[in-house]
Amino acid sequence: MDKRLQSSLAAALLLAGSGAYLYLKGGAPSQQDALQVAQQRSELEHCLHAAQMVFDVHWAAACTTQGDGDDSAECDLPDAKAAVVNTWLNEAEKRCMAEARAAP
């Protein structure tokens, strides 16, 4: 599954769960609760977007240092290099999700 789609689905599920919790906690969410959920969604989206940007930079850097004569920022990295860059993205996304879950 595409990394961006996977991140978006995870964020949507987390935020839907937050909204459902708030609704079940006390009926319809108050305006303050709705603002809090919107703020959390915005912060999560910002964090995931930043993680994707850092991933793109790391991928481009790995492409340009590959030494195959192709200085393109978009390339097919060998599996070992791709795994390292993908691990960085996965860790950053996990951090974003953990921060979103820990938010009050």
PDB file of N, CA and C in Angstrom:
ATOM      1  N   MET A   1       0.844  -1.173   0.000  1.00  0.00           N
ATOM      2  CA  MET A   1       0.000   0.000   0.000  1.00  0.00           C
ATOM      3  C   MET A   1       0.892   1.239   0.000  1.00  0.00           C
ATOM      4  N   ASP A   2       0.483   2.239  -0.719  1.00  0.00           N
ATOM      5  CA  ASP A   2       1.238   3.489  -0.797  1.00  0.00           C
ATOM      6  C   ASP A   2       1.396   4.088   0.599  1.00  0.00           C
ATOM      7  N   LYS A   3       2.631   4.556   0.902  1.00  0.00           N
ATOM      8  CA  LYS A   3       2.925   5.088   2.233  1.00  0.00           C
ATOM      9  C   LYS A   3       2.019   6.254   2.613  1.00  0.00           C
ATOM     10  N   ARG A   4       1.755   7.146   1.656  1.00  0.00           N
ATOM     11  CA  ARG A   4       0.921   8.311   1.976  1.00  0.00           C
ATOM     12  C   ARG A   4      -0.512   7.897   2.271  1.00  0.00           C
ATOM     13  N   LEU A   5      -1.025   6.941   1.508  1.00  0.00           N
ATOM     14  CA  LEU A   5      -2.381   6.450   1.742  1.00  0.00           C
ATOM     15  C   LEU A   5      -2.451   5.768   3.100  1.00  0.00           C
ATOM     16  N   GLN A   6      -1.448   4.957   3.414  1.00  0.00           N
ATOM     17  CA  GLN A   6      -1.417   4.258   4.685  1.00  0.00           C
ATOM     18  C   GLN A   6      -1.396   5.248   5.853  1.00  0.00           C
ATOM     19  N   SER A   7      -0.597   6.291   5.744  1.00  0.00           N
ATOM     20  CA  SER A   7      -0.527   7.309   6.802  1.00  0.00           C
ATOM     21  C   SER A   7      -1.854   8.037   6.947  1.00  0.00           C
ATOM     22  N   SER A   8      -2.469   8.366   5.810  1.00  0.00           N
ATOM     23  CA  SER A   8      -3.752   9.071   5.850  1.00  0.00           C
ATOM     24  C   SER A   8      -4.832   8.213   6.487  1.00  0.00           C
ATOM     25  N   LEU A   9      -4.848   6.924   6.155  1.00  0.00           N
ATOM     26  CA  LEU A   9      -5.842   6.034   6.748  1.00  0.00           C
ATOM     27  C   LEU A   9      -5.634   5.894   8.253  1.00  0.00           C
ATOM     28  N   ALA A  10      -4.386   5.775   8.676  1.00  0.00           N
ATOM     29  CA  ALA A  10      -4.100   5.658  10.104  1.00  0.00           C
ATOM     30  C   ALA A  10      -4.537   6.925  10.839  1.00  0.00           C
ATOM     31  N   ALA A  11      -4.253   8.071  10.251  1.00  0.00           N
ATOM     32  CA  ALA A  11      -4.647   9.331  10.873  1.00  0.00           C
ATOM     33  C   ALA A  11      -6.165   9.445  10.945  1.00  0.00           C
ATOM     34  N   ALA A  12      -6.842   9.059   9.890  1.00  0.00           N
ATOM     35  CA  ALA A  12      -8.305   9.133   9.873  1.00  0.00           C
ATOM     36  C   ALA A  12      -8.910   8.229  10.943  1.00  0.00           C
ATOM     37  N   LEU A  13      -8.367   7.025  11.088  1.00  0.00           N
ATOM     38  CA  LEU A  13      -8.873   6.103  12.103  1.00  0.00           C
ATOM     39  C   LEU A  13      -8.635   6.636  13.509  1.00  0.00           C
ATOM     40  N   LEU A  14      -7.463   7.189  13.731  1.00  0.00           N
ATOM     41  CA  LEU A  14      -7.161   7.748  15.049  1.00  0.00           C
ATOM     42  C   LEU A  14      -8.102   8.895  15.386  1.00  0.00           C
ATOM     43  N   LEU A  15      -8.320   9.776  14.437  1.00  0.00           N
ATOM     44  CA  LEU A  15      -9.176  10.933  14.687  1.00  0.00           C
ATOM     45  C   LEU A  15     -10.645  10.538  14.794  1.00  0.00           C
ATOM     46  N   ALA A  16     -11.065   9.548  14.013  1.00  0.00           N
ATOM     47  CA  ALA A  16     -12.446   9.074  14.124  1.00  0.00           C
ATOM     48  C   ALA A  16     -12.672   8.466  15.506  1.00  0.00           C
ATOM     49  N   GLY A  17     -11.671   7.735  15.977  1.00  0.00           N
ATOM     50  CA  GLY A  17     -11.764   7.164  17.323  1.00  0.00           C
ATOM     51  C   GLY A  17     -11.847   8.242  18.382  1.00  0.00           C
ATOM     52  N   SER A  18     -11.076   9.303  18.204  1.00  0.00           N
ATOM     53  CA  SER A  18     -11.121  10.417  19.154  1.00  0.00           C
ATOM     54  C   SER A  18     -12.497  11.060  19.168  1.00  0.00           C
ATOM     55  N   GLY A  19     -13.052  11.271  17.989  1.00  0.00           N
ATOM     56  CA  GLY A  19     -14.383  11.868  17.897  1.00  0.00           C
ATOM     57  C   GLY A  19     -15.443  10.984  18.515  1.00  0.00           C
ATOM     58  N   ALA A  20     -15.369   9.677  18.262  1.00  0.00           N
ATOM     59  CA  ALA A  20     -16.332   8.740  18.834  1.00  0.00           C
ATOM     60  C   ALA A  20     -16.225   8.717  20.356  1.00  0.00           C
ATOM     61  N   TYR A  21     -15.008   8.747  20.856  1.00  0.00           N
ATOM     62  CA  TYR A  21     -14.801   8.759  22.303  1.00  0.00           C
ATOM     63  C   TYR A  21     -15.437  10.006  22.920  1.00  0.00           C
ATOM     64  N   LEU A  22     -15.180  11.143  22.323  1.00  0.00           N
ATOM     65  CA  LEU A  22     -15.743  12.383  22.854  1.00  0.00           C
ATOM     66  C   LEU A  22     -17.269  12.347  22.829  1.00  0.00           C
ATOM     67  N   TYR A  23     -17.835  11.780  21.760  1.00  0.00           N
ATOM     68  CA  TYR A  23     -19.290  11.711  21.652  1.00  0.00           C
ATOM     69  C   TYR A  23     -19.854  10.788  22.738  1.00  0.00           C
ATOM     70  N   LEU A  24     -19.240   9.620  22.904  1.00  0.00           N
ATOM     71  CA  LEU A  24     -19.729   8.664  23.893  1.00  0.00           C
ATOM     72  C   LEU A  24     -19.495   9.155  25.318  1.00  0.00           C
ATOM     73  N   LYS A  25     -18.470   9.972  25.502  1.00  0.00           N
ATOM     74  CA  LYS A  25     -18.135  10.494  26.828  1.00  0.00           C
ATOM     75  C   LYS A  25     -19.231  11.405  27.362  1.00  0.00           C
ATOM     76  N   GLY A  26     -19.813  12.187  26.505  1.00  0.00           N
ATOM     77  CA  GLY A  26     -20.785  13.127  27.038  1.00  0.00           C
ATOM     78  C   GLY A  26     -21.807  13.607  26.042  1.00  0.00           C
ATOM     79  N   GLY A  27     -22.247  12.746  25.160  1.00  0.00           N
ATOM     80  CA  GLY A  27     -23.214  13.173  24.161  1.00  0.00           C
ATOM     81  C   GLY A  27     -22.513  13.898  23.027  1.00  0.00           C
ATOM     82  N   ALA A  28     -23.224  14.816  22.438  1.00  0.00           N
ATOM     83  CA  ALA A  28     -22.645  15.565  21.321  1.00  0.00           C
ATOM     84  C   ALA A  28     -21.445  16.367  21.822  1.00  0.00           C
ATOM     85  N   PRO A  29     -20.379  16.389  21.047  1.00  0.00           N
ATOM     86  CA  PRO A  29     -19.195  17.123  21.502  1.00  0.00           C
ATOM     87  C   PRO A  29     -19.464  18.619  21.590  1.00  0.00           C
ATOM     88  N   SER A  30     -18.865  19.233  22.589  1.00  0.00           N
ATOM     89  CA  SER A  30     -18.990  20.674  22.737  1.00  0.00           C
ATOM     90  C   SER A  30     -18.143  21.353  21.670  1.00  0.00           C
ATOM     91  N   GLN A  31     -18.325  22.643  21.553  1.00  0.00           N
ATOM     92  CA  GLN A  31     -17.523  23.392  20.580  1.00  0.00           C
ATOM     93  C   GLN A  31     -16.047  23.304  20.946  1.00  0.00           C
ATOM     94  N   GLN A  32     -15.742  23.334  22.236  1.00  0.00           N
ATOM     95  CA  GLN A  32     -14.350  23.234  22.670  1.00  0.00           C
ATOM     96  C   GLN A  32     -13.771  21.867  22.300  1.00  0.00           C
ATOM     97  N   ASP A  33     -14.556  20.793  22.505  1.00  0.00           N
ATOM     98  CA  ASP A  33     -14.089  19.458  22.122  1.00  0.00           C
ATOM     99  C   ASP A  33     -13.866  19.372  20.623  1.00  0.00           C
ATOM    100  N   ALA A  34     -14.777  19.947  19.860  1.00  0.00           N
ATOM    101  CA  ALA A  34     -14.642  19.931  18.399  1.00  0.00           C
ATOM    102  C   ALA A  34     -13.392  20.689  17.964  1.00  0.00           C
ATOM    103  N   LEU A  35     -13.131  21.818  18.619  1.00  0.00           N
ATOM    104  CA  LEU A  35     -11.912  22.580  18.308  1.00  0.00           C
ATOM    105  C   LEU A  35     -10.663  21.793  18.684  1.00  0.00           C
ATOM    106  N   GLN A  36     -10.720  21.079  19.796  1.00  0.00           N
ATOM    107  CA  GLN A  36      -9.586  20.280  20.231  1.00  0.00           C
ATOM    108  C   GLN A  36      -9.299  19.165  19.225  1.00  0.00           C
ATOM    109  N   VAL A  37     -10.333  18.495  18.745  1.00  0.00           N
ATOM    110  CA  VAL A  37     -10.152  17.435  17.750  1.00  0.00           C
ATOM    111  C   VAL A  37      -9.599  18.027  16.455  1.00  0.00           C
ATOM    112  N   ALA A  38     -10.100  19.182  16.053  1.00  0.00           N
ATOM    113  CA  ALA A  38      -9.599  19.825  14.839  1.00  0.00           C
ATOM    114  C   ALA A  38      -8.130  20.216  15.004  1.00  0.00           C
ATOM    115  N   GLN A  39      -7.755  20.701  16.181  1.00  0.00           N
ATOM    116  CA  GLN A  39      -6.364  21.051  16.447  1.00  0.00           C
ATOM    117  C   GLN A  39      -5.477  19.809  16.401  1.00  0.00           C
ATOM    118  N   GLN A  40      -5.942  18.726  17.021  1.00  0.00           N
ATOM    119  CA  GLN A  40      -5.177  17.481  17.000  1.00  0.00           C
ATOM    120  C   GLN A  40      -5.011  16.968  15.571  1.00  0.00           C
ATOM    121  N   ARG A  41      -6.072  17.044  14.783  1.00  0.00           N
ATOM    122  CA  ARG A  41      -6.007  16.599  13.392  1.00  0.00           C
ATOM    123  C   ARG A  41      -4.992  17.434  12.623  1.00  0.00           C
ATOM    124  N   SER A  42      -5.019  18.733  12.838  1.00  0.00           N
ATOM    125  CA  SER A  42      -4.088  19.624  12.155  1.00  0.00           C
ATOM    126  C   SER A  42      -2.645  19.314  12.546  1.00  0.00           C
ATOM    127  N   GLU A  43      -2.402  19.109  13.836  1.00  0.00           N
ATOM    128  CA  GLU A  43      -1.056  18.792  14.300  1.00  0.00           C
ATOM    129  C   GLU A  43      -0.574  17.454  13.747  1.00  0.00           C
ATOM    130  N   LEU A  44      -1.464  16.462  13.703  1.00  0.00           N
ATOM    131  CA  LEU A  44      -1.098  15.156  13.159  1.00  0.00           C
ATOM    132  C   LEU A  44      -0.783  15.256  11.675  1.00  0.00           C
ATOM    133  N   GLU A  45      -1.631  15.960  10.934  1.00  0.00           N
ATOM    134  CA  GLU A  45      -1.386  16.130   9.498  1.00  0.00           C
ATOM    135  C   GLU A  45      -0.067  16.856   9.254  1.00  0.00           C
ATOM    136  N   HIS A  46       0.227  17.869  10.058  1.00  0.00           N
ATOM    137  CA  HIS A  46       1.482  18.609   9.925  1.00  0.00           C
ATOM    138  C   HIS A  46       2.674  17.685  10.199  1.00  0.00           C
ATOM    139  N   CYS A  47       2.584  16.899  11.245  1.00  0.00           N
ATOM    140  CA  CYS A  47       3.657  15.978  11.610  1.00  0.00           C
ATOM    141  C   CYS A  47       3.880  14.950  10.497  1.00  0.00           C
ATOM    142  N   LEU A  48       2.798  14.364   9.978  1.00  0.00           N
ATOM    143  CA  LEU A  48       2.927  13.370   8.912  1.00  0.00           C
ATOM    144  C   LEU A  48       3.477  13.997   7.635  1.00  0.00           C
ATOM    145  N   HIS A  49       3.054  15.215   7.340  1.00  0.00           N
ATOM    146  CA  HIS A  49       3.570  15.911   6.155  1.00  0.00           C
ATOM    147  C   HIS A  49       5.068  16.180   6.314  1.00  0.00           C
ATOM    148  N   ALA A  50       5.478  16.614   7.494  1.00  0.00           N
ATOM    149  CA  ALA A  50       6.900  16.857   7.751  1.00  0.00           C
ATOM    150  C   ALA A  50       7.696  15.564   7.631  1.00  0.00           C
ATOM    151  N   ALA A  51       7.155  14.469   8.133  1.00  0.00           N
ATOM    152  CA  ALA A  51       7.830  13.171   8.026  1.00  0.00           C
ATOM    153  C   ALA A  51       8.004  12.779   6.561  1.00  0.00           C
ATOM    154  N   GLN A  52       6.979  13.011   5.758  1.00  0.00           N
ATOM    155  CA  GLN A  52       7.060  12.689   4.336  1.00  0.00           C
ATOM    156  C   GLN A  52       8.094  13.568   3.631  1.00  0.00           C
ATOM    157  N   MET A  53       8.166  14.830   3.998  1.00  0.00           N
ATOM    158  CA  MET A  53       9.153  15.725   3.392  1.00  0.00           C
ATOM    159  C   MET A  53      10.578  15.286   3.732  1.00  0.00           C
ATOM    160  N   VAL A  54      10.805  14.917   4.987  1.00  0.00           N
ATOM    161  CA  VAL A  54      12.128  14.442   5.394  1.00  0.00           C
ATOM    162  C   VAL A  54      12.458  13.149   4.658  1.00  0.00           C
ATOM    163  N   PHE A  55      11.474  12.274   4.516  1.00  0.00           N
ATOM    164  CA  PHE A  55      11.667  11.035   3.756  1.00  0.00           C
ATOM    165  C   PHE A  55      12.089  11.349   2.322  1.00  0.00           C
ATOM    166  N   ASP A  56      11.391  12.284   1.686  1.00  0.00           N
ATOM    167  CA  ASP A  56      11.720  12.656   0.304  1.00  0.00           C
ATOM    168  C   ASP A  56      13.148  13.180   0.194  1.00  0.00           C
ATOM    169  N   VAL A  57      13.569  13.981   1.166  1.00  0.00           N
ATOM    170  CA  VAL A  57      14.933  14.523   1.159  1.00  0.00           C
ATOM    171  C   VAL A  57      15.957  13.399   1.335  1.00  0.00           C
ATOM    172  N   HIS A  58      15.689  12.496   2.287  1.00  0.00           N
ATOM    173  CA  HIS A  58      16.606  11.374   2.503  1.00  0.00           C
ATOM    174  C   HIS A  58      16.684  10.487   1.253  1.00  0.00           C
ATOM    175  N   TRP A  59      15.547  10.240   0.628  1.00  0.00           N
ATOM    176  CA  TRP A  59      15.525   9.408  -0.577  1.00  0.00           C
ATOM    177  C   TRP A  59      16.337  10.081  -1.685  1.00  0.00           C
ATOM    178  N   ALA A  60      16.119  11.378  -1.873  1.00  0.00           N
ATOM    179  CA  ALA A  60      16.844  12.116  -2.907  1.00  0.00           C
ATOM    180  C   ALA A  60      18.346  12.105  -2.628  1.00  0.00           C
ATOM    181  N   ALA A  61      18.727  12.282  -1.374  1.00  0.00           N
ATOM    182  CA  ALA A  61      20.148  12.259  -1.020  1.00  0.00           C
ATOM    183  C   ALA A  61      20.752  10.891  -1.298  1.00  0.00           C
ATOM    184  N   ALA A  62      20.020   9.839  -0.983  1.00  0.00           N
ATOM    185  CA  ALA A  62      20.514   8.491  -1.257  1.00  0.00           C
ATOM    186  C   ALA A  62      20.645   8.257  -2.763  1.00  0.00           C
ATOM    187  N   CYS A  63      19.730   8.813  -3.528  1.00  0.00           N
ATOM    188  CA  CYS A  63      19.805   8.674  -4.984  1.00  0.00           C
ATOM    189  C   CYS A  63      21.041   9.363  -5.546  1.00  0.00           C
ATOM    190  N   THR A  64      21.320  10.563  -5.069  1.00  0.00           N
ATOM    191  CA  THR A  64      22.437  11.328  -5.632  1.00  0.00           C
ATOM    192  C   THR A  64      23.790  10.783  -5.181  1.00  0.00           C
ATOM    193  N   THR A  65      23.839  10.056  -4.076  1.00  0.00           N
ATOM    194  CA  THR A  65      25.106   9.479  -3.615  1.00  0.00           C
ATOM    195  C   THR A  65      25.280   8.038  -4.061  1.00  0.00           C
ATOM    196  N   GLN A  66      24.349   7.550  -4.834  1.00  0.00           N
ATOM    197  CA  GLN A  66      24.384   6.149  -5.265  1.00  0.00           C
ATOM    198  C   GLN A  66      25.569   5.845  -6.177  1.00  0.00           C
ATOM    199  N   GLY A  67      26.035   6.855  -6.930  1.00  0.00           N
ATOM    200  CA  GLY A  67      27.228   6.677  -7.737  1.00  0.00           C
ATOM    201  C   GLY A  67      27.017   5.952  -9.053  1.00  0.00           C
ATOM    202  N   ASP A  68      25.786   5.962  -9.552  1.00  0.00           N
ATOM    203  CA  ASP A  68      25.549   5.278 -10.829  1.00  0.00           C
ATOM    204  C   ASP A  68      25.542   6.260 -12.002  1.00  0.00           C
ATOM    205  N   GLY A  69      25.968   7.492 -11.752  1.00  0.00           N
ATOM    206  CA  GLY A  69      26.012   8.499 -12.809  1.00  0.00           C
ATOM    207  C   GLY A  69      24.703   9.240 -12.995  1.00  0.00           C
ATOM    208  N   ASP A  70      23.653   8.788 -12.320  1.00  0.00           N
ATOM    209  CA  ASP A  70      22.343   9.433 -12.408  1.00  0.00           C
ATOM    210  C   ASP A  70      22.171  10.309 -11.181  1.00  0.00           C
ATOM    211  N   ASP A  71      22.203  11.627 -11.371  1.00  0.00           N
ATOM    212  CA  ASP A  71      22.065  12.551 -10.249  1.00  0.00           C
ATOM    213  C   ASP A  71      20.616  12.936  -9.977  1.00  0.00           C
ATOM    214  N   SER A  72      19.691  12.146 -10.436  1.00  0.00           N
ATOM    215  CA  SER A  72      18.275  12.421 -10.231  1.00  0.00           C
ATOM    216  C   SER A  72      17.907  12.195  -8.768  1.00  0.00           C
ATOM    217  N   ALA A  73      16.953  12.982  -8.286  1.00  0.00           N
ATOM    218  CA  ALA A  73      16.467  12.819  -6.920  1.00  0.00           C
ATOM    219  C   ALA A  73      15.446  11.695  -6.821  1.00  0.00           C
ATOM    220  N   GLU A  74      15.042  11.171  -7.949  1.00  0.00           N
ATOM    221  CA  GLU A  74      14.098  10.065  -7.973  1.00  0.00           C
ATOM    222  C   GLU A  74      14.770   8.889  -8.662  1.00  0.00           C
ATOM    223  N   CYS A  75      14.912   7.799  -7.932  1.00  0.00           N
ATOM    224  CA  CYS A  75      15.567   6.627  -8.483  1.00  0.00           C
ATOM    225  C   CYS A  75      15.033   5.394  -7.776  1.00  0.00           C
ATOM    226  N   ASP A  76      15.419   4.265  -8.292  1.00  0.00           N
ATOM    227  CA  ASP A  76      15.141   3.003  -7.617  1.00  0.00           C
ATOM    228  C   ASP A  76      16.370   2.649  -6.802  1.00  0.00           C
ATOM    229  N   LEU A  77      16.249   2.769  -5.495  1.00  0.00           N
ATOM    230  CA  LEU A  77      17.373   2.448  -4.620  1.00  0.00           C
ATOM    231  C   LEU A  77      17.486   0.935  -4.462  1.00  0.00           C
ATOM    232  N   PRO A  78      18.703   0.470  -4.242  1.00  0.00           N
ATOM    233  CA  PRO A  78      18.856  -0.950  -3.890  1.00  0.00           C
ATOM    234  C   PRO A  78      18.049  -1.239  -2.628  1.00  0.00           C
ATOM    235  N   ASP A  79      17.612  -2.464  -2.486  1.00  0.00           N
ATOM    236  CA  ASP A  79      16.734  -2.838  -1.366  1.00  0.00           C
ATOM    237  C   ASP A  79      17.285  -2.434  -0.009  1.00  0.00           C
ATOM    238  N   ALA A  80      18.572  -2.614   0.205  1.00  0.00           N
ATOM    239  CA  ALA A  80      19.157  -2.298   1.514  1.00  0.00           C
ATOM    240  C   ALA A  80      19.059  -0.803   1.817  1.00  0.00           C
ATOM    241  N   LYS A  81      19.392   0.044   0.828  1.00  0.00           N
ATOM    242  CA  LYS A  81      19.297   1.497   1.048  1.00  0.00           C
ATOM    243  C   LYS A  81      17.841   1.929   1.199  1.00  0.00           C
ATOM    244  N   ALA A  82      16.963   1.378   0.376  1.00  0.00           N
ATOM    245  CA  ALA A  82      15.543   1.720   0.452  1.00  0.00           C
ATOM    246  C   ALA A  82      14.975   1.340   1.822  1.00  0.00           C
ATOM    247  N   ALA A  83      15.405   0.197   2.347  1.00  0.00           N
ATOM    248  CA  ALA A  83      14.912  -0.250   3.655  1.00  0.00           C
ATOM    249  C   ALA A  83      15.297   0.728   4.754  1.00  0.00           C
ATOM    250  N   VAL A  84      16.511   1.267   4.685  1.00  0.00           N
ATOM    251  CA  VAL A  84      16.962   2.229   5.691  1.00  0.00           C
ATOM    252  C   VAL A  84      16.099   3.488   5.638  1.00  0.00           C
ATOM    253  N   VAL A  85      15.894   4.017   4.446  1.00  0.00           N
ATOM    254  CA  VAL A  85      15.109   5.249   4.299  1.00  0.00           C
ATOM    255  C   VAL A  85      13.653   4.996   4.693  1.00  0.00           C
ATOM    256  N   ASN A  86      13.116   3.859   4.300  1.00  0.00           N
ATOM    257  CA  ASN A  86      11.736   3.526   4.664  1.00  0.00           C
ATOM    258  C   ASN A  86      11.582   3.358   6.177  1.00  0.00           C
ATOM    259  N   THR A  87      12.602   2.834   6.829  1.00  0.00           N
ATOM    260  CA  THR A  87      12.565   2.688   8.290  1.00  0.00           C
ATOM    261  C   THR A  87      12.496   4.050   8.957  1.00  0.00           C
ATOM    262  N   TRP A  88      13.259   5.018   8.439  1.00  0.00           N
ATOM    263  CA  TRP A  88      13.191   6.376   8.999  1.00  0.00           C
ATOM    264  C   TRP A  88      11.771   6.924   8.904  1.00  0.00           C
ATOM    265  N   LEU A  89      11.135   6.721   7.747  1.00  0.00           N
ATOM    266  CA  LEU A  89       9.761   7.209   7.571  1.00  0.00           C
ATOM    267  C   LEU A  89       8.818   6.498   8.538  1.00  0.00           C
ATOM    268  N   ASN A  90       8.937   5.192   8.648  1.00  0.00           N
ATOM    269  CA  ASN A  90       8.051   4.445   9.547  1.00  0.00           C
ATOM    270  C   ASN A  90       8.196   4.911  10.993  1.00  0.00           C
ATOM    271  N   GLU A  91       9.423   5.139  11.421  1.00  0.00           N
ATOM    272  CA  GLU A  91       9.654   5.618  12.790  1.00  0.00           C
ATOM    273  C   GLU A  91       9.066   7.010  12.999  1.00  0.00           C
ATOM    274  N   ALA A  92       9.230   7.882  12.027  1.00  0.00           N
ATOM    275  CA  ALA A  92       8.672   9.236  12.132  1.00  0.00           C
ATOM    276  C   ALA A  92       7.144   9.185  12.191  1.00  0.00           C
ATOM    277  N   GLU A  93       6.530   8.315  11.377  1.00  0.00           N
ATOM    278  CA  GLU A  93       5.071   8.193  11.397  1.00  0.00           C
ATOM    279  C   GLU A  93       4.590   7.634  12.732  1.00  0.00           C
ATOM    280  N   LYS A  94       5.316   6.664  13.276  1.00  0.00           N
ATOM    281  CA  LYS A  94       4.943   6.114  14.587  1.00  0.00           C
ATOM    282  C   LYS A  94       5.024   7.192  15.659  1.00  0.00           C
ATOM    283  N   ARG A  95       6.066   8.030  15.576  1.00  0.00           N
ATOM    284  CA  ARG A  95       6.211   9.123  16.545  1.00  0.00           C
ATOM    285  C   ARG A  95       5.032  10.085  16.438  1.00  0.00           C
ATOM    286  N   CYS A  96       4.640  10.413  15.199  1.00  0.00           N
ATOM    287  CA  CYS A  96       3.492  11.316  14.997  1.00  0.00           C
ATOM    288  C   CYS A  96       2.240  10.724  15.617  1.00  0.00           C
ATOM    289  N   MET A  97       2.007   9.437  15.363  1.00  0.00           N
ATOM    290  CA  MET A  97       0.804   8.785  15.898  1.00  0.00           C
ATOM    291  C   MET A  97       0.843   8.724  17.422  1.00  0.00           C
ATOM    292  N   ALA A  98       2.014   8.444  17.991  1.00  0.00           N
ATOM    293  CA  ALA A  98       2.142   8.394  19.452  1.00  0.00           C
ATOM    294  C   ALA A  98       1.873   9.756  20.064  1.00  0.00           C
ATOM    295  N   GLU A  99       2.393  10.804  19.434  1.00  0.00           N
ATOM    296  CA  GLU A  99       2.141  12.165  19.928  1.00  0.00           C
ATOM    297  C   GLU A  99       0.660  12.508  19.838  1.00  0.00           C
ATOM    298  N   ALA A 100       0.009  12.072  18.772  1.00  0.00           N
ATOM    299  CA  ALA A 100      -1.424  12.352  18.625  1.00  0.00           C
ATOM    300  C   ALA A 100      -2.232  11.608  19.689  1.00  0.00           C
ATOM    301  N   ARG A 101      -1.849  10.375  19.976  1.00  0.00           N
ATOM    302  CA  ARG A 101      -2.560   9.596  21.008  1.00  0.00           C
ATOM    303  C   ARG A 101      -2.342  10.190  22.396  1.00  0.00           C
ATOM    304  N   ALA A 102      -1.166  10.747  22.638  1.00  0.00           N
ATOM    305  CA  ALA A 102      -0.830  11.296  23.959  1.00  0.00           C
ATOM    306  C   ALA A 102      -1.422  12.671  24.199  1.00  0.00           C
ATOM    307  N   ALA A 103      -1.890  13.313  23.135  1.00  0.00           N
ATOM    308  CA  ALA A 103      -2.450  14.662  23.282  1.00  0.00           C
ATOM    309  C   ALA A 103      -3.680  14.620  24.162  1.00  0.00           C
ATOM    310  N   PRO A 104      -3.847  15.655  24.988  1.00  0.00           N
ATOM    311  CA  PRO A 104      -5.011  15.689  25.905  1.00  0.00           C
ATOM    312  C   PRO A 104      -6.325  15.803  25.183  1.00  0.00           C
TER     313      PRO A 104
END
